[in-house]
């Protein structure tokens, strides 16, 4: 049985993320083409899935 690794650039709800510029956030909603991230300064932003500038630092717990 092989294991497929998840991309650090595909964002799921609840994931902790970081932008290459250094600011951190949490994914509040995740869709096929984009995700909504709430950054540590309180603003929310739509981010394209697989955007190389945003990556997962910690995956949300699986339910």
Protein backbone atom coordinates (compact mmCIF):
# COMPACT_ATOMS: atom_id res chain seq x y z
CA UNK A 1 0.00 0.00 0.00
CA UNK A 2 1.39 3.40 -0.94
CA UNK A 3 0.78 6.66 0.84
CA UNK A 4 0.11 9.88 -1.02
CA UNK A 5 1.49 13.03 0.59
CA UNK A 6 -0.72 16.09 0.78
CA UNK A 7 0.47 19.27 -0.87
CA UNK A 8 1.52 22.02 1.54
CA UNK A 9 -0.12 24.41 -0.91
CA UNK A 10 -3.63 22.88 -0.92
CA UNK A 11 -5.52 24.59 1.89
CA UNK A 12 -8.21 22.93 4.00
CA UNK A 13 -10.55 24.47 6.59
CA UNK A 14 -8.85 24.81 9.96
CA UNK A 15 -5.29 24.61 8.60
CA UNK A 16 -2.71 27.01 10.02
CA UNK A 17 -0.96 28.77 7.13
CA UNK A 18 1.85 31.20 6.52
CA UNK A 19 2.58 33.62 3.70
CA UNK A 20 6.13 33.83 2.34
CA UNK A 21 6.21 37.44 3.62
CA UNK A 22 5.91 36.06 7.15
CA UNK A 23 2.34 36.69 8.28
CA UNK A 24 0.33 33.74 9.61
CA UNK A 25 -3.33 32.84 9.50
CA UNK A 26 -6.01 30.17 9.61
CA UNK A 27 -8.15 28.83 6.77
CA UNK A 28 -11.79 29.59 7.62
CA UNK A 29 -13.34 28.18 4.41
CA UNK A 30 -11.92 25.92 1.73
CA UNK A 31 -13.18 25.32 -1.79
CA UNK A 32 -11.82 23.58 -4.89
CA UNK A 33 -10.32 26.71 -6.46
CA UNK A 34 -9.71 29.03 -3.49
CA UNK A 35 -9.73 29.31 0.28
CA UNK A 36 -10.61 32.13 2.68
CA UNK A 37 -7.81 32.88 5.13
CA UNK A 38 -8.13 34.98 8.30
CA UNK A 39 -4.72 36.55 8.84
CA UNK A 40 -3.35 37.31 12.32
CA UNK A 41 -4.13 41.02 11.87
CA UNK A 42 -7.85 40.16 11.53
CA UNK A 43 -8.33 40.73 7.83
CA UNK A 44 -9.75 37.98 5.60
CA UNK A 45 -8.54 37.24 2.10
CA UNK A 46 -9.42 34.83 -0.70
CA UNK A 47 -6.32 32.86 -1.69
CA UNK A 48 -6.04 30.68 -4.77
CA UNK A 49 -5.55 27.00 -4.02
CA UNK A 50 -1.99 25.93 -4.84
CA UNK A 51 -0.70 29.55 -4.55
CA UNK A 52 3.04 29.04 -3.92
CA UNK A 53 3.16 32.14 -1.67
CA UNK A 54 0.89 30.54 0.96
CA UNK A 55 1.68 27.21 2.59
CA UNK A 56 0.36 25.01 5.39
CA UNK A 57 2.36 25.02 8.63
CA UNK A 58 -0.02 22.75 10.55
CA UNK A 59 -2.89 20.62 9.29
CA UNK A 60 -6.28 20.78 11.00
CA UNK A 61 -7.18 17.71 13.05
CA UNK A 62 -9.05 15.10 11.04
CA UNK A 63 -12.59 14.45 12.22
